[in-house]
N, C-alpha and C. Protein backbone atom coordinates (compact mmCIF):
# COMPACT_ATOMS: atom_id res chain seq x y z
N UNK A 1 25.79 -15.66 1.58
CA UNK A 1 25.24 -14.38 1.90
C UNK A 1 24.03 -14.58 2.79
N UNK A 2 23.92 -13.86 3.84
CA UNK A 2 22.79 -14.00 4.73
C UNK A 2 23.09 -13.35 6.05
N UNK A 3 22.15 -13.38 6.91
CA UNK A 3 22.31 -12.75 8.20
C UNK A 3 22.54 -13.82 9.24
N UNK A 4 23.55 -13.62 10.04
CA UNK A 4 23.79 -14.52 11.15
C UNK A 4 24.40 -15.84 10.72
N UNK A 5 24.69 -16.68 11.69
CA UNK A 5 25.27 -17.99 11.42
C UNK A 5 24.32 -18.84 10.59
N UNK A 6 24.89 -19.52 9.58
CA UNK A 6 24.05 -20.30 8.69
C UNK A 6 24.27 -21.80 8.81
N UNK A 7 25.35 -22.24 9.42
CA UNK A 7 25.55 -23.67 9.60
C UNK A 7 26.15 -23.92 10.98
N UNK A 8 26.33 -25.20 11.34
CA UNK A 8 26.77 -25.53 12.70
C UNK A 8 28.17 -25.02 12.99
N UNK A 9 29.04 -24.98 11.99
CA UNK A 9 30.40 -24.47 12.20
C UNK A 9 30.35 -22.99 12.56
N UNK A 10 29.58 -22.24 11.82
CA UNK A 10 29.46 -20.82 12.11
C UNK A 10 28.80 -20.59 13.46
N UNK A 11 27.86 -21.44 13.83
CA UNK A 11 27.19 -21.28 15.12
C UNK A 11 28.18 -21.51 16.26
N UNK A 12 29.07 -22.46 16.08
CA UNK A 12 30.07 -22.72 17.12
C UNK A 12 31.04 -21.56 17.24
N UNK A 13 31.25 -20.86 16.13
CA UNK A 13 32.19 -19.75 16.14
C UNK A 13 31.58 -18.48 16.72
N UNK A 14 30.30 -18.49 16.89
CA UNK A 14 29.67 -17.30 17.47
C UNK A 14 30.19 -17.13 18.88
N UNK A 15 30.75 -15.98 19.19
CA UNK A 15 31.41 -15.75 20.47
C UNK A 15 30.46 -15.84 21.65
N UNK A 16 29.27 -15.36 21.50
CA UNK A 16 28.34 -15.41 22.61
C UNK A 16 26.92 -15.27 22.07
N UNK A 17 25.97 -15.53 22.94
CA UNK A 17 24.57 -15.34 22.56
C UNK A 17 24.29 -13.90 22.21
N UNK A 18 25.00 -12.98 22.83
CA UNK A 18 24.81 -11.56 22.56
C UNK A 18 25.13 -11.24 21.10
N UNK A 19 26.21 -11.77 20.58
CA UNK A 19 26.56 -11.48 19.18
C UNK A 19 25.54 -12.12 18.24
N UNK A 20 25.02 -13.27 18.60
CA UNK A 20 24.01 -13.93 17.78
C UNK A 20 22.73 -13.09 17.75
N UNK A 21 22.33 -12.60 18.92
CA UNK A 21 21.13 -11.79 18.99
C UNK A 21 21.31 -10.50 18.20
N UNK A 22 22.46 -9.84 18.30
CA UNK A 22 22.66 -8.60 17.55
C UNK A 22 22.70 -8.87 16.05
N UNK A 23 23.19 -10.06 15.66
CA UNK A 23 23.19 -10.44 14.26
C UNK A 23 21.76 -10.60 13.73
N UNK A 24 20.94 -11.25 14.52
CA UNK A 24 19.54 -11.45 14.14
C UNK A 24 18.82 -10.11 14.08
N UNK A 25 19.08 -9.24 15.04
CA UNK A 25 18.45 -7.92 15.04
C UNK A 25 18.86 -7.11 13.82
N UNK A 26 20.11 -7.23 13.40
CA UNK A 26 20.53 -6.48 12.22
C UNK A 26 19.81 -6.98 10.98
N UNK A 27 19.46 -8.27 10.95
CA UNK A 27 18.70 -8.79 9.82
C UNK A 27 17.29 -8.23 9.81
N UNK A 28 16.66 -8.16 10.96
CA UNK A 28 15.28 -7.69 11.00
C UNK A 28 15.19 -6.21 10.68
N UNK A 29 16.24 -5.48 10.89
CA UNK A 29 16.22 -4.05 10.57
C UNK A 29 16.23 -3.81 9.06
N UNK A 30 16.62 -4.81 8.29
CA UNK A 30 16.63 -4.66 6.84
C UNK A 30 15.23 -4.72 6.25
N UNK A 31 14.29 -5.28 6.99
CA UNK A 31 12.90 -5.32 6.56
C UNK A 31 12.28 -3.99 6.93
N UNK A 32 11.79 -3.28 5.94
CA UNK A 32 11.28 -1.95 6.20
C UNK A 32 9.76 -1.98 6.32
N UNK A 33 9.27 -1.59 7.44
CA UNK A 33 7.84 -1.47 7.66
C UNK A 33 7.53 0.00 7.87
N UNK A 34 6.45 0.43 7.27
CA UNK A 34 6.09 1.82 7.48
C UNK A 34 4.58 1.92 7.63
N UNK A 35 4.20 2.72 8.58
CA UNK A 35 2.79 3.01 8.77
C UNK A 35 2.51 4.30 8.03
N UNK A 36 1.42 4.34 7.35
CA UNK A 36 1.14 5.56 6.63
C UNK A 36 -0.30 5.62 6.19
N UNK A 37 -0.58 6.61 5.43
CA UNK A 37 -1.93 6.84 4.95
C UNK A 37 -1.92 6.93 3.43
N UNK A 38 -3.04 6.65 2.84
CA UNK A 38 -3.20 6.66 1.41
C UNK A 38 -4.39 7.58 1.10
N UNK A 39 -4.14 8.63 0.37
CA UNK A 39 -5.19 9.59 0.05
C UNK A 39 -5.77 9.25 -1.31
N UNK A 40 -7.08 9.15 -1.37
CA UNK A 40 -7.80 8.90 -2.61
C UNK A 40 -8.50 10.20 -2.99
N UNK A 41 -8.43 10.56 -4.27
CA UNK A 41 -9.12 11.76 -4.73
C UNK A 41 -9.82 11.49 -6.05
N UNK A 42 -10.92 12.16 -6.25
CA UNK A 42 -11.61 12.17 -7.53
C UNK A 42 -11.61 13.61 -8.01
N UNK A 43 -11.21 13.82 -9.26
CA UNK A 43 -11.02 15.16 -9.79
C UNK A 43 -11.92 15.39 -10.99
N UNK A 44 -12.53 16.55 -11.04
CA UNK A 44 -13.34 16.97 -12.17
C UNK A 44 -12.43 17.17 -13.39
N UNK A 45 -12.78 16.58 -14.52
CA UNK A 45 -11.90 16.67 -15.69
C UNK A 45 -11.93 18.03 -16.38
N UNK A 46 -12.97 18.80 -16.19
CA UNK A 46 -13.06 20.11 -16.84
C UNK A 46 -12.27 21.18 -16.10
N UNK A 47 -12.47 21.25 -14.78
CA UNK A 47 -11.84 22.31 -13.99
C UNK A 47 -10.66 21.82 -13.14
N UNK A 48 -10.46 20.50 -13.12
CA UNK A 48 -9.37 19.89 -12.35
C UNK A 48 -9.47 20.19 -10.85
N UNK A 49 -10.69 20.22 -10.37
CA UNK A 49 -10.94 20.44 -8.94
C UNK A 49 -11.26 19.11 -8.27
N UNK A 50 -10.84 18.96 -7.03
CA UNK A 50 -11.15 17.75 -6.27
C UNK A 50 -12.63 17.78 -5.90
N UNK A 51 -13.35 16.73 -6.28
CA UNK A 51 -14.78 16.67 -5.97
C UNK A 51 -15.09 15.63 -4.89
N UNK A 52 -14.16 14.74 -4.63
CA UNK A 52 -14.32 13.76 -3.54
C UNK A 52 -12.94 13.34 -3.08
N UNK A 53 -12.82 13.05 -1.81
CA UNK A 53 -11.55 12.57 -1.28
C UNK A 53 -11.80 11.66 -0.10
N UNK A 54 -10.80 10.83 0.19
CA UNK A 54 -10.88 9.93 1.34
C UNK A 54 -9.47 9.57 1.77
N UNK A 55 -9.28 9.45 3.06
CA UNK A 55 -8.01 9.06 3.64
C UNK A 55 -8.14 7.64 4.15
N UNK A 56 -7.25 6.75 3.71
CA UNK A 56 -7.28 5.35 4.17
C UNK A 56 -5.92 4.97 4.71
N UNK A 57 -5.88 3.85 5.40
CA UNK A 57 -4.59 3.31 5.83
C UNK A 57 -4.29 2.00 5.11
N UNK A 58 -4.96 1.77 3.98
CA UNK A 58 -4.71 0.61 3.14
C UNK A 58 -3.50 0.94 2.26
N UNK A 59 -2.59 0.01 2.16
CA UNK A 59 -1.34 0.27 1.45
C UNK A 59 -1.40 0.29 -0.06
N UNK A 60 -2.52 -0.12 -0.64
CA UNK A 60 -2.63 -0.07 -2.10
C UNK A 60 -3.99 0.48 -2.49
N UNK A 61 -4.15 0.73 -3.78
CA UNK A 61 -5.37 1.37 -4.28
C UNK A 61 -6.40 0.39 -4.83
N UNK A 62 -6.08 -0.91 -4.88
CA UNK A 62 -6.93 -1.88 -5.58
C UNK A 62 -8.37 -1.94 -5.12
N UNK A 63 -8.66 -1.68 -3.90
CA UNK A 63 -10.03 -1.77 -3.41
C UNK A 63 -10.74 -0.43 -3.29
N UNK A 64 -10.20 0.61 -3.90
CA UNK A 64 -10.72 1.95 -3.69
C UNK A 64 -11.50 2.54 -4.85
N UNK A 65 -11.41 1.94 -6.03
CA UNK A 65 -11.96 2.56 -7.24
C UNK A 65 -13.47 2.78 -7.19
N UNK A 66 -14.23 1.75 -6.89
CA UNK A 66 -15.69 1.90 -6.93
C UNK A 66 -16.18 2.87 -5.86
N UNK A 67 -15.57 2.84 -4.69
CA UNK A 67 -15.95 3.75 -3.61
C UNK A 67 -15.76 5.20 -4.04
N UNK A 68 -14.62 5.50 -4.63
CA UNK A 68 -14.36 6.88 -5.07
C UNK A 68 -15.26 7.26 -6.23
N UNK A 69 -15.53 6.33 -7.14
CA UNK A 69 -16.41 6.63 -8.27
C UNK A 69 -17.83 6.94 -7.78
N UNK A 70 -18.32 6.16 -6.82
CA UNK A 70 -19.66 6.40 -6.27
C UNK A 70 -19.73 7.74 -5.54
N UNK A 71 -18.68 8.06 -4.79
CA UNK A 71 -18.65 9.36 -4.10
C UNK A 71 -18.64 10.51 -5.09
N UNK A 72 -17.84 10.38 -6.13
CA UNK A 72 -17.75 11.45 -7.14
C UNK A 72 -19.08 11.62 -7.87
N UNK A 73 -19.70 10.50 -8.24
CA UNK A 73 -20.98 10.58 -8.95
C UNK A 73 -22.04 11.24 -8.07
N UNK A 74 -22.07 10.88 -6.80
CA UNK A 74 -23.04 11.48 -5.88
C UNK A 74 -22.78 12.98 -5.70
N UNK A 75 -21.52 13.35 -5.62
CA UNK A 75 -21.15 14.75 -5.40
C UNK A 75 -21.56 15.65 -6.56
N UNK A 76 -21.41 15.17 -7.78
CA UNK A 76 -21.75 16.01 -8.92
C UNK A 76 -23.18 15.76 -9.41
N UNK A 77 -23.86 14.80 -8.81
CA UNK A 77 -25.24 14.52 -9.15
C UNK A 77 -25.44 13.94 -10.53
N UNK A 78 -24.48 13.14 -10.97
CA UNK A 78 -24.55 12.55 -12.31
C UNK A 78 -25.12 11.14 -12.25
N UNK A 79 -25.80 10.75 -13.33
CA UNK A 79 -26.30 9.39 -13.43
C UNK A 79 -25.20 8.43 -13.87
N UNK A 80 -24.32 8.92 -14.73
CA UNK A 80 -23.20 8.10 -15.19
C UNK A 80 -21.91 8.91 -15.06
N UNK A 81 -20.81 8.19 -15.13
CA UNK A 81 -19.51 8.81 -14.87
C UNK A 81 -18.44 8.05 -15.64
N UNK A 82 -17.52 8.74 -16.25
CA UNK A 82 -16.37 8.10 -16.87
C UNK A 82 -15.23 8.13 -15.86
N UNK A 83 -14.70 6.97 -15.55
CA UNK A 83 -13.64 6.87 -14.55
C UNK A 83 -12.33 6.52 -15.24
N UNK A 84 -11.29 7.27 -14.93
CA UNK A 84 -9.95 7.00 -15.44
C UNK A 84 -9.05 6.81 -14.23
N UNK A 85 -8.31 5.71 -14.22
CA UNK A 85 -7.43 5.41 -13.08
C UNK A 85 -6.16 4.74 -13.58
N UNK A 86 -5.11 4.82 -12.80
CA UNK A 86 -3.87 4.16 -13.18
C UNK A 86 -3.93 2.67 -12.85
N UNK A 87 -2.90 1.97 -13.21
CA UNK A 87 -2.85 0.51 -13.07
C UNK A 87 -2.96 0.03 -11.62
N UNK A 88 -2.58 0.85 -10.68
CA UNK A 88 -2.64 0.48 -9.27
C UNK A 88 -4.04 0.20 -8.77
N UNK A 89 -5.04 0.68 -9.47
CA UNK A 89 -6.43 0.48 -9.08
C UNK A 89 -7.02 -0.79 -9.68
N UNK A 90 -6.27 -1.48 -10.51
CA UNK A 90 -6.83 -2.61 -11.25
C UNK A 90 -7.25 -3.76 -10.33
N UNK A 91 -8.53 -4.03 -10.32
CA UNK A 91 -9.12 -5.18 -9.65
C UNK A 91 -10.48 -5.39 -10.31
N UNK A 92 -10.67 -6.54 -10.92
CA UNK A 92 -11.85 -6.81 -11.73
C UNK A 92 -13.17 -6.47 -11.07
N UNK A 93 -13.35 -6.89 -9.82
CA UNK A 93 -14.61 -6.63 -9.13
C UNK A 93 -14.85 -5.15 -8.90
N UNK A 94 -13.80 -4.41 -8.65
CA UNK A 94 -13.92 -2.96 -8.45
C UNK A 94 -14.33 -2.27 -9.75
N UNK A 95 -13.77 -2.73 -10.85
CA UNK A 95 -14.11 -2.13 -12.16
C UNK A 95 -15.58 -2.42 -12.49
N UNK A 96 -16.01 -3.64 -12.25
CA UNK A 96 -17.41 -3.99 -12.51
C UNK A 96 -18.36 -3.20 -11.60
N UNK A 97 -17.94 -2.92 -10.39
CA UNK A 97 -18.79 -2.19 -9.44
C UNK A 97 -18.97 -0.72 -9.83
N UNK A 98 -18.08 -0.20 -10.66
CA UNK A 98 -18.22 1.19 -11.11
C UNK A 98 -19.38 1.31 -12.04
């Protein structure tokens, strides 16, 4: 199983360089790359209103927790804050920075 010729016998059987190139291209199309954005939000637990938000192009949430916690704390003018986040935010240094 694989894309394109895998051994010398199969390479000899390749009809032309064109078929080899199209075979390789079909393999690269199986790798899915996507450009996108990641929205971070901090929500008030009493009224469920967004109190801070940020748009990033980072593909995961691991480096975002302390930044959002600091923004939320500043927005509501609190000295301390209880932060609840899902597992995607887990990164030890980020948790300590909160």
